[in-house]
């Protein structure tokens, strides 16, 4: 009798454990717990803690609450000038309404498939309005392009009632197909060489202008200096002549003697041989007569 009572107590405790284990569930940080009754969402728990559900009647689905990143496959897009480019982008998104999400998409993989389609359509539409040169240019409004694509995809998600929020769509890379790269690179090299040649030509022209201007200024300075030198020499000679005239006027005989002596100094430089008449005043002065 006691054994039977203990067995019943054990079975009761086991039943309680089974019921409790089917009734309790834990909500962790960064996740939604959606309570389903016959497949229909009845409650959503987003705060961490221990929660309760009806055993055998209700079930629980776990959905991510944190932001997720979906990296799209690189796709081929034609630009406005019909240039093929490979576009690689990613999308930051999160589940904002778990009930709508389960009703419309049900799984994360379905959500990412819809996001991929919406992003592809938005990127294709926007890039088809832009020429290739504007996309790869350093001055392209890539930030504005990303914002426009994000808004388009976000509007699709809202209008379709997906229960998700599109936070950001970013183009990571725009590249040429392998078969087009070499020709484009060669053209870019040719363009850069043409630009470099233009810079060199402009530099040579500027150098010639600077050199010509410097030569002209140098000639003007030299001509001005020579003119000033000639003026100074002329003024000096004029002043010397005036002094000579004054000296000559004061003592003509002394001045004549001084000039004669100066001529002797000039004459006998280098010990030359000279022939003059013996009775000339020049000879008599040398001979002391």
C-alpha atoms as a PDB file:
ATOM      1  CA  UNK A   1       0.000   0.000   0.000  1.00  0.00           C
ATOM      2  CA  UNK A   2       2.818   2.342   0.868  1.00  0.00           C
ATOM      3  CA  UNK A   3       4.646   1.396  -2.319  1.00  0.00           C
ATOM      4  CA  UNK A   4       1.562   2.143  -4.368  1.00  0.00           C
ATOM      5  CA  UNK A   5       1.169   5.531  -2.685  1.00  0.00           C
ATOM      6  CA  UNK A   6       4.793   6.401  -3.316  1.00  0.00           C
ATOM      7  CA  UNK A   7       4.364   5.428  -6.969  1.00  0.00           C
ATOM      8  CA  UNK A   8       1.344   7.669  -7.306  1.00  0.00           C
ATOM      9  CA  UNK A   9       3.199  10.539  -5.679  1.00  0.00           C
ATOM     10  CA  UNK A  10       6.148  10.014  -8.042  1.00  0.00           C
ATOM     11  CA  UNK A  11       3.845   9.929 -11.061  1.00  0.00           C
ATOM     12  CA  UNK A  12       2.176  13.097  -9.842  1.00  0.00           C
ATOM     13  CA  UNK A  13       5.474  14.857  -9.409  1.00  0.00           C
ATOM     14  CA  UNK A  14       6.585  13.689 -12.856  1.00  0.00           C
ATOM     15  CA  UNK A  15       3.360  14.992 -14.359  1.00  0.00           C
ATOM     16  CA  UNK A  16       3.891  18.333 -12.643  1.00  0.00           C
ATOM     17  CA  UNK A  17       7.448  18.554 -13.998  1.00  0.00           C
ATOM     18  CA  UNK A  18       6.222  17.726 -17.497  1.00  0.00           C
ATOM     19  CA  UNK A  19       3.475  20.336 -17.286  1.00  0.00           C
ATOM     20  CA  UNK A  20       5.823  22.961 -15.892  1.00  0.00           C
ATOM     21  CA  UNK A  21       8.494  22.236 -18.520  1.00  0.00           C
ATOM     22  CA  UNK A  22       5.863  22.651 -21.201  1.00  0.00           C
ATOM     23  CA  UNK A  23       4.579  25.850 -19.617  1.00  0.00           C
ATOM     24  CA  UNK A  24       7.794  27.747 -18.950  1.00  0.00           C
ATOM     25  CA  UNK A  25      10.111  29.313 -21.473  1.00  0.00           C
ATOM     26  CA  UNK A  26      12.922  31.862 -21.273  1.00  0.00           C
ATOM     27  CA  UNK A  27      13.142  35.096 -23.252  1.00  0.00           C
ATOM     28  CA  UNK A  28      16.772  36.086 -23.810  1.00  0.00           C
ATOM     29  CA  UNK A  29      18.302  39.427 -24.693  1.00  0.00           C
ATOM     30  CA  UNK A  30      18.165  40.194 -28.411  1.00  0.00           C
ATOM     31  CA  UNK A  31      15.213  37.961 -29.329  1.00  0.00           C
ATOM     32  CA  UNK A  32      11.446  37.880 -29.617  1.00  0.00           C
ATOM     33  CA  UNK A  33       9.426  34.968 -28.282  1.00  0.00           C
ATOM     34  CA  UNK A  34       6.154  34.630 -30.164  1.00  0.00           C
ATOM     35  CA  UNK A  35       3.495  32.485 -28.524  1.00  0.00           C
ATOM     36  CA  UNK A  36       1.412  30.634 -31.116  1.00  0.00           C
ATOM     37  CA  UNK A  37      -1.946  29.023 -30.548  1.00  0.00           C
ATOM     38  CA  UNK A  38      -2.908  26.687 -33.351  1.00  0.00           C
ATOM     39  CA  UNK A  39      -0.380  28.507 -35.580  1.00  0.00           C
ATOM     40  CA  UNK A  40      -1.719  31.989 -34.850  1.00  0.00           C
ATOM     41  CA  UNK A  41       0.402  34.494 -32.873  1.00  0.00           C
ATOM     42  CA  UNK A  42      -1.335  35.447 -29.656  1.00  0.00           C
ATOM     43  CA  UNK A  43       1.386  37.072 -27.593  1.00  0.00           C
ATOM     44  CA  UNK A  44       4.834  38.540 -28.188  1.00  0.00           C
ATOM     45  CA  UNK A  45       7.477  38.750 -25.482  1.00  0.00           C
ATOM     46  CA  UNK A  46      10.447  41.042 -26.088  1.00  0.00           C
ATOM     47  CA  UNK A  47      11.740  41.635 -22.556  1.00  0.00           C
ATOM     48  CA  UNK A  48      14.182  39.086 -21.048  1.00  0.00           C
ATOM     49  CA  UNK A  49      12.828  36.757 -18.348  1.00  0.00           C
ATOM     50  CA  UNK A  50      10.855  33.577 -17.626  1.00  0.00           C
ATOM     51  CA  UNK A  51       7.427  33.452 -19.295  1.00  0.00           C
ATOM     52  CA  UNK A  52       4.448  31.055 -19.252  1.00  0.00           C
ATOM     53  CA  UNK A  53       2.339  29.391 -21.935  1.00  0.00           C
ATOM     54  CA  UNK A  54      -0.373  26.783 -22.017  1.00  0.00           C
ATOM     55  CA  UNK A  55       1.164  23.358 -22.418  1.00  0.00           C
ATOM     56  CA  UNK A  56       0.177  21.211 -25.403  1.00  0.00           C
ATOM     57  CA  UNK A  57      -1.947  24.064 -26.791  1.00  0.00           C
ATOM     58  CA  UNK A  58       0.526  26.889 -27.312  1.00  0.00           C
ATOM     59  CA  UNK A  59       3.947  26.771 -28.904  1.00  0.00           C
ATOM     60  CA  UNK A  60       6.793  29.295 -29.044  1.00  0.00           C
ATOM     61  CA  UNK A  61       8.728  30.695 -32.047  1.00  0.00           C
ATOM     62  CA  UNK A  62      12.003  32.528 -31.596  1.00  0.00           C
ATOM     63  CA  UNK A  63      12.780  35.506 -33.855  1.00  0.00           C
ATOM     64  CA  UNK A  64      15.867  37.785 -33.833  1.00  0.00           C
ATOM     65  CA  UNK A  65      15.301  41.172 -32.266  1.00  0.00           C
ATOM     66  CA  UNK A  66      18.732  42.611 -33.081  1.00  0.00           C
ATOM     67  CA  UNK A  67      19.770  44.176 -36.375  1.00  0.00           C
ATOM     68  CA  UNK A  68      20.789  41.763 -39.107  1.00  0.00           C
ATOM     69  CA  UNK A  69      23.013  42.287 -42.130  1.00  0.00           C
ATOM     70  CA  UNK A  70      22.116  40.707 -45.430  1.00  0.00           C
ATOM     71  CA  UNK A  71      24.955  40.638 -47.948  1.00  0.00           C
ATOM     72  CA  UNK A  72      23.505  40.462 -51.468  1.00  0.00           C
ATOM     73  CA  UNK A  73      25.112  38.485 -54.247  1.00  0.00           C
ATOM     74  CA  UNK A  74      27.026  40.685 -56.753  1.00  0.00           C
ATOM     75  CA  UNK A  75      24.732  41.446 -59.700  1.00  0.00           C
ATOM     76  CA  UNK A  76      25.218  42.837 -63.212  1.00  0.00           C
ATOM     77  CA  UNK A  77      23.559  46.222 -63.835  1.00  0.00           C
ATOM     78  CA  UNK A  78      23.458  48.409 -66.967  1.00  0.00           C
ATOM     79  CA  UNK A  79      24.091  52.135 -66.475  1.00  0.00           C
ATOM     80  CA  UNK A  80      22.359  54.941 -68.364  1.00  0.00           C
ATOM     81  CA  UNK A  81      25.062  54.830 -71.071  1.00  0.00           C
ATOM     82  CA  UNK A  82      24.638  51.038 -71.372  1.00  0.00           C
ATOM     83  CA  UNK A  83      27.856  50.160 -69.545  1.00  0.00           C
ATOM     84  CA  UNK A  84      27.685  46.850 -67.621  1.00  0.00           C
ATOM     85  CA  UNK A  85      28.903  47.010 -64.034  1.00  0.00           C
ATOM     86  CA  UNK A  86      28.913  44.516 -61.193  1.00  0.00           C
ATOM     87  CA  UNK A  87      27.302  45.936 -58.038  1.00  0.00           C
ATOM     88  CA  UNK A  88      27.893  44.484 -54.586  1.00  0.00           C
ATOM     89  CA  UNK A  89      25.789  45.783 -51.688  1.00  0.00           C
ATOM     90  CA  UNK A  90      24.525  44.926 -48.212  1.00  0.00           C
ATOM     91  CA  UNK A  91      21.366  45.690 -46.244  1.00  0.00           C
ATOM     92  CA  UNK A  92      20.933  46.372 -42.520  1.00  0.00           C
ATOM     93  CA  UNK A  93      17.438  45.367 -41.354  1.00  0.00           C
ATOM     94  CA  UNK A  94      15.477  44.129 -38.349  1.00  0.00           C
ATOM     95  CA  UNK A  95      12.121  42.665 -37.469  1.00  0.00           C
ATOM     96  CA  UNK A  96       9.888  45.485 -36.221  1.00  0.00           C
ATOM     97  CA  UNK A  97       6.531  43.675 -36.055  1.00  0.00           C
ATOM     98  CA  UNK A  98       6.828  39.934 -35.350  1.00  0.00           C
ATOM     99  CA  UNK A  99       3.121  39.241 -36.032  1.00  0.00           C
ATOM    100  CA  UNK A 100       3.229  40.816 -39.481  1.00  0.00           C
ATOM    101  CA  UNK A 101       6.556  39.143 -40.104  1.00  0.00           C
ATOM    102  CA  UNK A 102       5.185  35.652 -39.363  1.00  0.00           C
ATOM    103  CA  UNK A 103       2.026  36.317 -41.357  1.00  0.00           C
ATOM    104  CA  UNK A 104       3.801  37.641 -44.489  1.00  0.00           C
ATOM    105  CA  UNK A 105       7.304  36.132 -44.477  1.00  0.00           C
ATOM    106  CA  UNK A 106       7.352  33.517 -41.715  1.00  0.00           C
ATOM    107  CA  UNK A 107      11.145  32.895 -41.844  1.00  0.00           C
ATOM    108  CA  UNK A 108      14.363  34.937 -41.960  1.00  0.00           C
ATOM    109  CA  UNK A 109      15.401  33.263 -45.219  1.00  0.00           C
ATOM    110  CA  UNK A 110      12.131  34.349 -46.858  1.00  0.00           C
ATOM    111  CA  UNK A 111      12.700  37.874 -45.568  1.00  0.00           C
ATOM    112  CA  UNK A 112      16.209  37.985 -47.034  1.00  0.00           C
ATOM    113  CA  UNK A 113      14.906  36.716 -50.369  1.00  0.00           C
ATOM    114  CA  UNK A 114      12.337  39.547 -50.526  1.00  0.00           C
ATOM    115  CA  UNK A 115      14.972  42.066 -49.449  1.00  0.00           C
ATOM    116  CA  UNK A 116      17.296  40.823 -52.196  1.00  0.00           C
ATOM    117  CA  UNK A 117      14.588  41.307 -54.845  1.00  0.00           C
ATOM    118  CA  UNK A 118      13.673  44.790 -53.595  1.00  0.00           C
ATOM    119  CA  UNK A 119      17.311  45.919 -53.394  1.00  0.00           C
ATOM    120  CA  UNK A 120      18.094  44.588 -56.868  1.00  0.00           C
ATOM    121  CA  UNK A 121      15.116  46.419 -58.395  1.00  0.00           C
ATOM    122  CA  UNK A 122      15.995  49.666 -56.583  1.00  0.00           C
ATOM    123  CA  UNK A 123      19.698  49.520 -57.516  1.00  0.00           C
ATOM    124  CA  UNK A 124      18.907  48.678 -61.135  1.00  0.00           C
ATOM    125  CA  UNK A 125      16.429  51.546 -61.361  1.00  0.00           C
ATOM    126  CA  UNK A 126      18.724  54.164 -59.814  1.00  0.00           C
ATOM    127  CA  UNK A 127      21.905  53.144 -61.626  1.00  0.00           C
ATOM    128  CA  UNK A 128      20.079  53.040 -64.964  1.00  0.00           C
ATOM    129  CA  UNK A 129      19.559  56.796 -64.501  1.00  0.00           C
ATOM    130  CA  UNK A 130      23.292  57.497 -64.000  1.00  0.00           C
ATOM    131  CA  UNK A 131      26.179  57.307 -66.464  1.00  0.00           C
ATOM    132  CA  UNK A 132      29.112  55.076 -65.650  1.00  0.00           C
ATOM    133  CA  UNK A 133      31.618  57.943 -65.345  1.00  0.00           C
ATOM    134  CA  UNK A 134      29.497  59.572 -62.636  1.00  0.00           C
ATOM    135  CA  UNK A 135      29.311  56.349 -60.627  1.00  0.00           C
ATOM    136  CA  UNK A 136      33.077  55.756 -60.506  1.00  0.00           C
ATOM    137  CA  UNK A 137      33.996  59.432 -60.163  1.00  0.00           C
ATOM    138  CA  UNK A 138      35.523  60.596 -56.865  1.00  0.00           C
ATOM    139  CA  UNK A 139      32.910  63.352 -56.755  1.00  0.00           C
ATOM    140  CA  UNK A 140      29.907  61.038 -57.141  1.00  0.00           C
ATOM    141  CA  UNK A 141      27.062  61.521 -54.670  1.00  0.00           C
ATOM    142  CA  UNK A 142      27.353  57.924 -53.457  1.00  0.00           C
ATOM    143  CA  UNK A 143      25.946  58.916 -50.095  1.00  0.00           C
ATOM    144  CA  UNK A 144      22.794  60.353 -51.718  1.00  0.00           C
ATOM    145  CA  UNK A 145      22.473  57.274 -53.933  1.00  0.00           C
ATOM    146  CA  UNK A 146      22.589  54.960 -50.923  1.00  0.00           C
ATOM    147  CA  UNK A 147      19.970  57.057 -49.132  1.00  0.00           C
ATOM    148  CA  UNK A 148      17.648  56.987 -52.152  1.00  0.00           C
ATOM    149  CA  UNK A 149      17.961  53.205 -52.524  1.00  0.00           C
ATOM    150  CA  UNK A 150      17.365  52.736 -48.788  1.00  0.00           C
ATOM    151  CA  UNK A 151      14.140  54.766 -48.996  1.00  0.00           C
ATOM    152  CA  UNK A 152      12.879  52.806 -52.008  1.00  0.00           C
ATOM    153  CA  UNK A 153      13.469  49.427 -50.335  1.00  0.00           C
ATOM    154  CA  UNK A 154      12.027  50.684 -47.033  1.00  0.00           C
ATOM    155  CA  UNK A 155       8.848  51.846 -48.777  1.00  0.00           C
ATOM    156  CA  UNK A 156       8.466  48.423 -50.407  1.00  0.00           C
ATOM    157  CA  UNK A 157       8.773  46.700 -47.018  1.00  0.00           C
ATOM    158  CA  UNK A 158       6.181  49.008 -45.441  1.00  0.00           C
ATOM    159  CA  UNK A 159       3.716  48.801 -48.347  1.00  0.00           C
ATOM    160  CA  UNK A 160       3.920  45.012 -48.466  1.00  0.00           C
ATOM    161  CA  UNK A 161       3.433  44.711 -44.705  1.00  0.00           C
ATOM    162  CA  UNK A 162       6.518  42.588 -44.165  1.00  0.00           C
ATOM    163  CA  UNK A 163       6.871  43.642 -40.537  1.00  0.00           C
ATOM    164  CA  UNK A 164      10.534  44.557 -41.019  1.00  0.00           C
ATOM    165  CA  UNK A 165      12.443  47.844 -40.932  1.00  0.00           C
ATOM    166  CA  UNK A 166      15.074  48.617 -43.558  1.00  0.00           C
ATOM    167  CA  UNK A 167      17.713  50.625 -41.722  1.00  0.00           C
ATOM    168  CA  UNK A 168      20.366  51.076 -44.404  1.00  0.00           C
ATOM    169  CA  UNK A 169      21.292  49.838 -47.875  1.00  0.00           C
ATOM    170  CA  UNK A 170      24.901  50.407 -48.901  1.00  0.00           C
ATOM    171  CA  UNK A 171      26.719  49.842 -52.170  1.00  0.00           C
ATOM    172  CA  UNK A 172      30.053  48.311 -51.194  1.00  0.00           C
ATOM    173  CA  UNK A 173      31.605  48.020 -54.628  1.00  0.00           C
ATOM    174  CA  UNK A 174      30.991  48.870 -58.265  1.00  0.00           C
ATOM    175  CA  UNK A 175      33.249  47.028 -60.641  1.00  0.00           C
ATOM    176  CA  UNK A 176      33.511  46.164 -64.309  1.00  0.00           C
ATOM    177  CA  UNK A 177      33.004  42.660 -65.646  1.00  0.00           C
ATOM    178  CA  UNK A 178      36.394  40.976 -66.208  1.00  0.00           C
ATOM    179  CA  UNK A 179      36.057  41.171 -70.001  1.00  0.00           C
ATOM    180  CA  UNK A 180      35.655  44.973 -69.870  1.00  0.00           C
ATOM    181  CA  UNK A 181      38.337  45.846 -67.359  1.00  0.00           C
ATOM    182  CA  UNK A 182      41.391  45.852 -69.606  1.00  0.00           C
ATOM    183  CA  UNK A 183      39.916  48.133 -72.268  1.00  0.00           C
ATOM    184  CA  UNK A 184      38.636  50.573 -69.657  1.00  0.00           C
ATOM    185  CA  UNK A 185      41.971  50.573 -67.802  1.00  0.00           C
ATOM    186  CA  UNK A 186      43.816  51.253 -71.069  1.00  0.00           C
ATOM    187  CA  UNK A 187      41.476  54.129 -71.844  1.00  0.00           C
ATOM    188  CA  UNK A 188      41.921  55.522 -68.332  1.00  0.00           C
ATOM    189  CA  UNK A 189      45.715  55.312 -68.719  1.00  0.00           C
ATOM    190  CA  UNK A 190      45.503  57.099 -72.076  1.00  0.00           C
ATOM    191  CA  UNK A 191      43.296  59.813 -70.567  1.00  0.00           C
ATOM    192  CA  UNK A 192      45.695  60.305 -67.643  1.00  0.00           C
ATOM    193  CA  UNK A 193      48.657  60.491 -70.014  1.00  0.00           C
ATOM    194  CA  UNK A 194      46.834  63.102 -72.100  1.00  0.00           C
ATOM    195  CA  UNK A 195      46.089  65.128 -68.974  1.00  0.00           C
ATOM    196  CA  UNK A 196      49.739  64.822 -67.856  1.00  0.00           C
ATOM    197  CA  UNK A 197      50.942  65.977 -71.292  1.00  0.00           C
ATOM    198  CA  UNK A 198      48.630  68.976 -71.032  1.00  0.00           C
ATOM    199  CA  UNK A 199      50.041  69.857 -67.607  1.00  0.00           C
ATOM    200  CA  UNK A 200      53.604  69.526 -68.942  1.00  0.00           C
ATOM    201  CA  UNK A 201      52.792  71.743 -71.929  1.00  0.00           C
ATOM    202  CA  UNK A 202      51.249  74.363 -69.648  1.00  0.00           C
ATOM    203  CA  UNK A 203      54.301  74.148 -67.403  1.00  0.00           C
ATOM    204  CA  UNK A 204      56.696  74.615 -70.325  1.00  0.00           C
ATOM    205  CA  UNK A 205      54.704  77.603 -71.561  1.00  0.00           C
ATOM    206  CA  UNK A 206      54.703  79.159 -68.106  1.00  0.00           C
ATOM    207  CA  UNK A 207      58.439  78.496 -67.811  1.00  0.00           C
ATOM    208  CA  UNK A 208      59.072  80.272 -71.120  1.00  0.00           C
ATOM    209  CA  UNK A 209      56.983  83.229 -70.003  1.00  0.00           C
ATOM    210  CA  UNK A 210      58.865  83.492 -66.720  1.00  0.00           C
ATOM    211  CA  UNK A 211      62.280  83.150 -68.440  1.00  0.00           C
ATOM    212  CA  UNK A 212      61.376  85.721 -71.090  1.00  0.00           C
ATOM    213  CA  UNK A 213      60.138  88.159 -68.472  1.00  0.00           C
ATOM    214  CA  UNK A 214      63.289  87.660 -66.391  1.00  0.00           C
ATOM    215  CA  UNK A 215      65.539  88.196 -69.462  1.00  0.00           C
ATOM    216  CA  UNK A 216      63.645  91.358 -70.365  1.00  0.00           C
ATOM    217  CA  UNK A 217      63.937  92.711 -66.833  1.00  0.00           C
ATOM    218  CA  UNK A 218      67.653  91.838 -66.774  1.00  0.00           C
ATOM    219  CA  UNK A 219      68.246  93.665 -70.061  1.00  0.00           C
ATOM    220  CA  UNK A 220      66.331  96.675 -68.793  1.00  0.00           C
ATOM    221  CA  UNK A 221      68.366  96.721 -65.576  1.00  0.00           C
ATOM    222  CA  UNK A 222      71.658  96.350 -67.476  1.00  0.00           C
ATOM    223  CA  UNK A 223      70.692  99.084 -69.945  1.00  0.00           C
ATOM    224  CA  UNK A 224      69.664 101.353 -67.086  1.00  0.00           C
ATOM    225  CA  UNK A 225      72.925 100.627 -65.232  1.00  0.00           C
ATOM    226  CA  UNK A 226      75.017 101.273 -68.328  1.00  0.00           C
ATOM    227  CA  UNK A 227      73.178 104.546 -68.970  1.00  0.00           C
ATOM    228  CA  UNK A 228      73.760 105.607 -65.380  1.00  0.00           C
ATOM    229  CA  UNK A 229      77.439 104.576 -65.650  1.00  0.00           C
ATOM    230  CA  UNK A 230      77.906 106.588 -68.840  1.00  0.00           C
ATOM    231  CA  UNK A 231      76.214 109.555 -67.219  1.00  0.00           C
ATOM    232  CA  UNK A 232      78.495 109.276 -64.167  1.00  0.00           C
ATOM    233  CA  UNK A 233      81.618 108.918 -66.366  1.00  0.00           C
ATOM    234  CA  UNK A 234      80.585 111.899 -68.435  1.00  0.00           C
ATOM    235  CA  UNK A 235      79.965 113.936 -65.319  1.00  0.00           C
ATOM    236  CA  UNK A 236      83.353 112.827 -63.947  1.00  0.00           C
ATOM    237  CA  UNK A 237      85.148 113.730 -67.153  1.00  0.00           C
ATOM    238  CA  UNK A 238      83.343 117.049 -67.192  1.00  0.00           C
ATOM    239  CA  UNK A 239      84.379 117.696 -63.613  1.00  0.00           C
ATOM    240  CA  UNK A 240      87.966 116.649 -64.373  1.00  0.00           C
ATOM    241  CA  UNK A 241      88.093 118.979 -67.358  1.00  0.00           C
ATOM    242  CA  UNK A 242      86.791 121.797 -65.223  1.00  0.00           C
ATOM    243  CA  UNK A 243      89.456 121.128 -62.600  1.00  0.00           C
ATOM    244  CA  UNK A 244      92.121 120.920 -65.293  1.00  0.00           C
ATOM    245  CA  UNK A 245      90.942 124.184 -66.778  1.00  0.00           C
ATOM    246  CA  UNK A 246      90.986 125.875 -63.410  1.00  0.00           C
ATOM    247  CA  UNK A 247      94.470 124.541 -62.708  1.00  0.00           C
ATOM    248  CA  UNK A 248      95.706 125.533 -66.170  1.00  0.00           C
ATOM    249  CA  UNK A 249      94.287 129.004 -65.736  1.00  0.00           C
ATOM    250  CA  UNK A 250      96.067 129.528 -62.408  1.00  0.00           C
ATOM    251  CA  UNK A 251      99.583 128.422 -63.579  1.00  0.00           C
ATOM    252  CA  UNK A 252      99.824 127.581 -67.297  1.00  0.00           C
ATOM    253  CA  UNK A 253     103.565 126.887 -67.204  1.00  0.00           C
ATOM    254  CA  UNK A 254     103.292 124.406 -64.325  1.00  0.00           C
ATOM    255  CA  UNK A 255     100.343 122.713 -65.969  1.00  0.00           C
ATOM    256  CA  UNK A 256     102.310 122.415 -69.226  1.00  0.00           C
ATOM    257  CA  UNK A 257     105.218 120.892 -67.329  1.00  0.00           C
ATOM    258  CA  UNK A 258     102.911 118.454 -65.500  1.00  0.00           C
ATOM    259  CA  UNK A 259     101.294 117.292 -68.720  1.00  0.00           C
ATOM    260  CA  UNK A 260     104.713 116.875 -70.323  1.00  0.00           C
ATOM    261  CA  UNK A 261     105.941 114.734 -67.448  1.00  0.00           C
ATOM    262  CA  UNK A 262     102.834 112.594 -67.679  1.00  0.00           C
ATOM    263  CA  UNK A 263     103.515 112.054 -71.363  1.00  0.00           C
ATOM    264  CA  UNK A 264     107.048 110.937 -70.496  1.00  0.00           C
ATOM    265  CA  UNK A 265     105.659 108.311 -68.125  1.00  0.00           C
ATOM    266  CA  UNK A 266     103.374 106.995 -70.813  1.00  0.00           C
ATOM    267  CA  UNK A 267     106.026 107.160 -73.485  1.00  0.00           C
ATOM    268  CA  UNK A 268     108.670 105.167 -71.646  1.00  0.00           C
ATOM    269  CA  UNK A 269     106.418 102.422 -70.373  1.00  0.00           C
ATOM    270  CA  UNK A 270     107.953  99.105 -71.448  1.00  0.00           C
ATOM    271  CA  UNK A 271     111.310 100.784 -72.309  1.00  0.00           C
ATOM    272  CA  UNK A 272     110.498 101.552 -75.954  1.00  0.00           C
ATOM    273  CA  UNK A 273     112.957 102.799 -78.575  1.00  0.00           C
ATOM    274  CA  UNK A 274     111.955 106.229 -79.875  1.00  0.00           C
ATOM    275  CA  UNK A 275     113.449 108.446 -82.540  1.00  0.00           C
ATOM    276  CA  UNK A 276     112.957 112.205 -82.274  1.00  0.00           C
ATOM    277  CA  UNK A 277     114.878 115.173 -83.704  1.00  0.00           C
ATOM    278  CA  UNK A 278     117.702 116.307 -81.445  1.00  0.00           C
ATOM    279  CA  UNK A 279     116.621 119.914 -81.656  1.00  0.00           C
ATOM    280  CA  UNK A 280     112.977 119.269 -80.705  1.00  0.00           C
ATOM    281  CA  UNK A 281     111.698 120.765 -77.461  1.00  0.00           C
ATOM    282  CA  UNK A 282     110.870 117.253 -76.277  1.00  0.00           C
ATOM    283  CA  UNK A 283     114.491 116.113 -76.772  1.00  0.00           C
ATOM    284  CA  UNK A 284     116.008 119.238 -75.268  1.00  0.00           C
ATOM    285  CA  UNK A 285     113.873 118.776 -72.150  1.00  0.00           C
ATOM    286  CA  UNK A 286     115.000 115.178 -71.805  1.00  0.00           C
ATOM    287  CA  UNK A 287     118.628 116.197 -72.268  1.00  0.00           C
ATOM    288  CA  UNK A 288     118.219 118.975 -69.711  1.00  0.00           C
ATOM    289  CA  UNK A 289     119.084 121.779 -72.118  1.00  0.00           C
END
